[in-house]
Amino acid sequence: MATSLLSVQIIPKTKNGEDVIPYVDEAINVIEESGVKYQVNALETTMEGELSDLFSIVEKMNEKMVELGSPSVISQIKVVYNPEGASMDKLTEKYR
């Protein structure tokens, strides 16, 4: 069972003020390629997995933004860590 939830909002700076959505789409592709369970929401994406793996994915997301031409990136992160287990479904079940 996963021990962590990590929500990330990635905000890449663009060289000429271009739309950031294509960059964000690429960041989400990094998550998709990682194979972790995730959910895209309006302002952030939440991932479920092991804490070190999730931080590694965030690192890869930032590297991808630079690779695409972003001179700098802001990543806002929220983390839930529970060694006994953490899941998006369990955390939000009372709201369904």
N, C-alpha and C. Protein backbone atom coordinates (compact mmCIF):
# COMPACT_ATOMS: atom_id res chain seq x y z
N MET A 1 0.84 -1.18 0.00
CA MET A 1 0.00 0.00 0.00
C MET A 1 0.88 1.25 0.00
N ALA A 2 0.45 2.26 -0.70
CA ALA A 2 1.17 3.53 -0.76
C ALA A 2 1.22 4.17 0.62
N THR A 3 2.30 4.89 0.89
CA THR A 3 2.44 5.59 2.17
C THR A 3 2.22 7.08 2.06
N SER A 4 2.08 7.58 0.82
CA SER A 4 2.06 9.04 0.66
C SER A 4 1.13 9.51 -0.45
N LEU A 5 0.63 10.71 -0.25
CA LEU A 5 -0.06 11.46 -1.28
C LEU A 5 0.75 12.74 -1.47
N LEU A 6 0.92 13.14 -2.71
CA LEU A 6 1.63 14.38 -3.00
C LEU A 6 0.85 15.13 -4.06
N SER A 7 0.46 16.35 -3.73
CA SER A 7 -0.21 17.21 -4.70
C SER A 7 0.80 18.25 -5.17
N VAL A 8 0.83 18.48 -6.47
CA VAL A 8 1.79 19.42 -7.03
C VAL A 8 1.11 20.34 -8.03
N GLN A 9 1.45 21.61 -7.92
CA GLN A 9 1.07 22.60 -8.93
C GLN A 9 2.39 23.10 -9.48
N ILE A 10 2.61 22.89 -10.77
CA ILE A 10 3.86 23.31 -11.39
C ILE A 10 3.60 24.56 -12.21
N ILE A 11 4.44 25.57 -11.99
CA ILE A 11 4.26 26.87 -12.64
C ILE A 11 5.57 27.22 -13.35
N PRO A 12 5.68 26.85 -14.62
CA PRO A 12 6.91 27.16 -15.35
C PRO A 12 6.90 28.61 -15.85
N LYS A 13 8.04 29.25 -15.76
CA LYS A 13 8.18 30.57 -16.37
C LYS A 13 8.44 30.32 -17.85
N THR A 14 7.83 31.12 -18.70
CA THR A 14 8.09 30.98 -20.13
C THR A 14 8.91 32.18 -20.61
N LYS A 15 9.74 31.96 -21.61
CA LYS A 15 10.66 33.00 -22.08
C LYS A 15 9.96 34.24 -22.58
N ASN A 16 8.89 34.06 -23.34
CA ASN A 16 8.22 35.19 -23.97
C ASN A 16 6.77 35.33 -23.54
N GLY A 17 6.45 34.84 -22.35
CA GLY A 17 5.09 34.94 -21.84
C GLY A 17 4.09 34.04 -22.54
N GLU A 18 4.58 32.95 -23.14
CA GLU A 18 3.69 32.00 -23.80
C GLU A 18 2.77 31.34 -22.78
N ASP A 19 1.71 30.75 -23.30
CA ASP A 19 0.77 29.98 -22.49
C ASP A 19 1.51 28.83 -21.82
N VAL A 20 1.27 28.60 -20.55
CA VAL A 20 1.96 27.54 -19.82
C VAL A 20 1.27 26.18 -19.95
N ILE A 21 0.05 26.15 -20.48
CA ILE A 21 -0.70 24.89 -20.54
C ILE A 21 0.05 23.78 -21.29
N PRO A 22 0.69 24.04 -22.43
CA PRO A 22 1.46 22.97 -23.07
C PRO A 22 2.58 22.43 -22.18
N TYR A 23 3.16 23.30 -21.37
CA TYR A 23 4.19 22.86 -20.43
C TYR A 23 3.57 21.97 -19.35
N VAL A 24 2.45 22.41 -18.81
CA VAL A 24 1.76 21.64 -17.77
C VAL A 24 1.34 20.27 -18.32
N ASP A 25 0.87 20.24 -19.56
CA ASP A 25 0.52 18.96 -20.18
C ASP A 25 1.73 18.02 -20.20
N GLU A 26 2.90 18.56 -20.51
CA GLU A 26 4.12 17.74 -20.52
C GLU A 26 4.48 17.28 -19.11
N ALA A 27 4.26 18.13 -18.12
CA ALA A 27 4.53 17.74 -16.72
C ALA A 27 3.61 16.58 -16.33
N ILE A 28 2.36 16.65 -16.74
CA ILE A 28 1.42 15.56 -16.45
C ILE A 28 1.83 14.29 -17.19
N ASN A 29 2.40 14.42 -18.37
CA ASN A 29 2.92 13.25 -19.09
C ASN A 29 4.03 12.57 -18.31
N VAL A 30 4.86 13.36 -17.63
CA VAL A 30 5.92 12.78 -16.79
C VAL A 30 5.29 11.90 -15.71
N ILE A 31 4.21 12.39 -15.10
CA ILE A 31 3.51 11.61 -14.08
C ILE A 31 2.93 10.34 -14.71
N GLU A 32 2.27 10.49 -15.84
CA GLU A 32 1.66 9.35 -16.54
C GLU A 32 2.70 8.27 -16.82
N GLU A 33 3.85 8.68 -17.31
CA GLU A 33 4.91 7.73 -17.65
C GLU A 33 5.50 7.04 -16.42
N SER A 34 5.34 7.64 -15.25
CA SER A 34 5.89 7.06 -14.02
C SER A 34 5.11 5.83 -13.57
N GLY A 35 3.84 5.76 -13.94
CA GLY A 35 3.02 4.62 -13.56
C GLY A 35 2.33 4.74 -12.21
N VAL A 36 2.52 5.84 -11.49
CA VAL A 36 1.83 5.98 -10.20
C VAL A 36 0.38 6.34 -10.43
N LYS A 37 -0.45 6.05 -9.44
CA LYS A 37 -1.85 6.48 -9.47
C LYS A 37 -1.86 7.99 -9.30
N TYR A 38 -2.68 8.66 -10.11
CA TYR A 38 -2.76 10.12 -10.00
C TYR A 38 -4.13 10.61 -10.42
N GLN A 39 -4.42 11.84 -10.03
CA GLN A 39 -5.68 12.48 -10.41
C GLN A 39 -5.40 13.94 -10.70
N VAL A 40 -5.79 14.38 -11.90
CA VAL A 40 -5.64 15.78 -12.28
C VAL A 40 -6.86 16.55 -11.80
N ASN A 41 -6.63 17.64 -11.10
CA ASN A 41 -7.69 18.52 -10.62
C ASN A 41 -7.51 19.90 -11.24
N ALA A 42 -8.39 20.81 -10.94
CA ALA A 42 -8.37 22.12 -11.59
C ALA A 42 -7.07 22.89 -11.34
N LEU A 43 -6.53 22.82 -10.14
CA LEU A 43 -5.37 23.64 -9.81
C LEU A 43 -4.12 22.86 -9.43
N GLU A 44 -4.23 21.54 -9.36
CA GLU A 44 -3.09 20.72 -8.97
C GLU A 44 -3.36 19.28 -9.37
N THR A 45 -2.30 18.48 -9.34
CA THR A 45 -2.42 17.05 -9.61
C THR A 45 -1.95 16.31 -8.37
N THR A 46 -2.71 15.31 -7.96
CA THR A 46 -2.37 14.52 -6.78
C THR A 46 -1.89 13.14 -7.22
N MET A 47 -0.78 12.71 -6.62
CA MET A 47 -0.20 11.39 -6.90
C MET A 47 -0.23 10.57 -5.62
N GLU A 48 -0.22 9.25 -5.80
CA GLU A 48 -0.24 8.32 -4.67
C GLU A 48 0.92 7.35 -4.85
N GLY A 49 1.73 7.18 -3.82
CA GLY A 49 2.87 6.26 -3.93
C GLY A 49 3.79 6.36 -2.74
N GLU A 50 5.03 5.97 -2.94
CA GLU A 50 6.05 6.07 -1.91
C GLU A 50 6.68 7.45 -1.98
N LEU A 51 6.93 8.05 -0.83
CA LEU A 51 7.36 9.44 -0.77
C LEU A 51 8.58 9.73 -1.64
N SER A 52 9.60 8.91 -1.55
CA SER A 52 10.81 9.16 -2.34
C SER A 52 10.53 9.09 -3.84
N ASP A 53 9.66 8.17 -4.25
CA ASP A 53 9.30 8.06 -5.66
C ASP A 53 8.56 9.31 -6.13
N LEU A 54 7.65 9.81 -5.29
CA LEU A 54 6.87 10.98 -5.67
C LEU A 54 7.74 12.22 -5.78
N PHE A 55 8.69 12.38 -4.85
CA PHE A 55 9.61 13.52 -4.95
C PHE A 55 10.48 13.40 -6.20
N SER A 56 10.85 12.19 -6.55
CA SER A 56 11.63 11.97 -7.77
C SER A 56 10.84 12.38 -9.01
N ILE A 57 9.55 12.10 -9.01
CA ILE A 57 8.70 12.50 -10.14
C ILE A 57 8.64 14.02 -10.24
N VAL A 58 8.51 14.70 -9.10
CA VAL A 58 8.50 16.17 -9.11
C VAL A 58 9.81 16.70 -9.67
N GLU A 59 10.91 16.09 -9.30
CA GLU A 59 12.21 16.49 -9.83
C GLU A 59 12.24 16.33 -11.36
N LYS A 60 11.74 15.21 -11.85
CA LYS A 60 11.70 14.97 -13.29
C LYS A 60 10.78 15.97 -14.00
N MET A 61 9.69 16.34 -13.35
CA MET A 61 8.77 17.34 -13.92
C MET A 61 9.50 18.68 -14.10
N ASN A 62 10.25 19.08 -13.07
CA ASN A 62 11.00 20.34 -13.15
C ASN A 62 12.06 20.27 -14.23
N GLU A 63 12.76 19.16 -14.31
CA GLU A 63 13.78 18.99 -15.35
C GLU A 63 13.16 19.06 -16.74
N LYS A 64 11.97 18.50 -16.90
CA LYS A 64 11.28 18.52 -18.19
C LYS A 64 10.94 19.95 -18.58
N MET A 65 10.52 20.77 -17.62
CA MET A 65 10.18 22.16 -17.93
C MET A 65 11.40 22.91 -18.46
N VAL A 66 12.56 22.70 -17.84
CA VAL A 66 13.79 23.34 -18.28
C VAL A 66 14.18 22.82 -19.67
N GLU A 67 14.03 21.52 -19.86
CA GLU A 67 14.31 20.91 -21.16
C GLU A 67 13.46 21.54 -22.26
N LEU A 68 12.24 21.91 -21.92
CA LEU A 68 11.32 22.52 -22.90
C LEU A 68 11.56 24.02 -23.09
N GLY A 69 12.51 24.57 -22.33
CA GLY A 69 12.85 25.97 -22.52
C GLY A 69 12.47 26.92 -21.41
N SER A 70 11.88 26.41 -20.34
CA SER A 70 11.52 27.26 -19.22
C SER A 70 12.80 27.63 -18.45
N PRO A 71 13.06 28.92 -18.24
CA PRO A 71 14.27 29.30 -17.51
C PRO A 71 14.19 29.02 -16.01
N SER A 72 12.97 28.92 -15.46
CA SER A 72 12.80 28.59 -14.04
C SER A 72 11.40 28.05 -13.80
N VAL A 73 11.24 27.38 -12.68
CA VAL A 73 9.98 26.70 -12.38
C VAL A 73 9.66 26.86 -10.89
N ILE A 74 8.40 27.10 -10.60
CA ILE A 74 7.91 27.05 -9.22
C ILE A 74 7.06 25.79 -9.09
N SER A 75 7.32 25.00 -8.06
CA SER A 75 6.51 23.82 -7.78
C SER A 75 5.95 23.96 -6.37
N GLN A 76 4.63 24.06 -6.29
CA GLN A 76 3.98 24.11 -4.99
C GLN A 76 3.53 22.70 -4.64
N ILE A 77 3.94 22.22 -3.48
CA ILE A 77 3.74 20.82 -3.12
C ILE A 77 3.06 20.70 -1.76
N LYS A 78 2.12 19.75 -1.68
CA LYS A 78 1.51 19.36 -0.40
C LYS A 78 1.71 17.86 -0.26
N VAL A 79 2.02 17.41 0.95
CA VAL A 79 2.32 16.00 1.17
C VAL A 79 1.54 15.47 2.36
N VAL A 80 0.99 14.28 2.19
CA VAL A 80 0.46 13.49 3.30
C VAL A 80 1.34 12.25 3.37
N TYR A 81 1.90 11.99 4.55
CA TYR A 81 2.73 10.80 4.75
C TYR A 81 2.17 10.01 5.91
N ASN A 82 1.89 8.73 5.68
CA ASN A 82 1.40 7.85 6.73
C ASN A 82 2.02 6.47 6.50
N PRO A 83 2.96 6.06 7.33
CA PRO A 83 3.61 4.77 7.14
C PRO A 83 2.64 3.58 7.11
N GLU A 84 1.45 3.77 7.68
CA GLU A 84 0.45 2.70 7.68
C GLU A 84 -0.39 2.69 6.42
N GLY A 85 -0.23 3.70 5.58
CA GLY A 85 -0.95 3.73 4.31
C GLY A 85 -1.68 5.03 4.08
N ALA A 86 -1.69 5.45 2.84
CA ALA A 86 -2.38 6.67 2.44
C ALA A 86 -2.99 6.44 1.06
N SER A 87 -4.23 6.89 0.88
CA SER A 87 -4.85 6.76 -0.44
C SER A 87 -5.80 7.92 -0.69
N MET A 88 -5.88 8.33 -1.94
CA MET A 88 -6.81 9.39 -2.32
C MET A 88 -8.24 8.96 -2.04
N ASP A 89 -8.55 7.72 -2.38
CA ASP A 89 -9.92 7.22 -2.19
C ASP A 89 -10.33 7.25 -0.73
N LYS A 90 -9.45 6.79 0.14
CA LYS A 90 -9.77 6.75 1.58
C LYS A 90 -9.89 8.17 2.15
N LEU A 91 -9.02 9.06 1.73
CA LEU A 91 -9.03 10.42 2.24
C LEU A 91 -10.29 11.18 1.86
N THR A 92 -10.86 10.85 0.71
CA THR A 92 -12.02 11.61 0.22
C THR A 92 -13.33 10.82 0.20
N GLU A 93 -13.33 9.60 0.74
CA GLU A 93 -14.51 8.75 0.63
C GLU A 93 -15.78 9.36 1.25
N LYS A 94 -15.66 10.12 2.31
CA LYS A 94 -16.87 10.68 2.93
C LYS A 94 -17.53 11.75 2.07
N TYR A 95 -16.85 12.23 1.04
CA TYR A 95 -17.41 13.25 0.17
C TYR A 95 -18.07 12.68 -1.07
N ARG A 96 -18.11 11.37 -1.18
CA ARG A 96 -18.74 10.73 -2.36
C ARG A 96 -20.09 10.21 -2.00
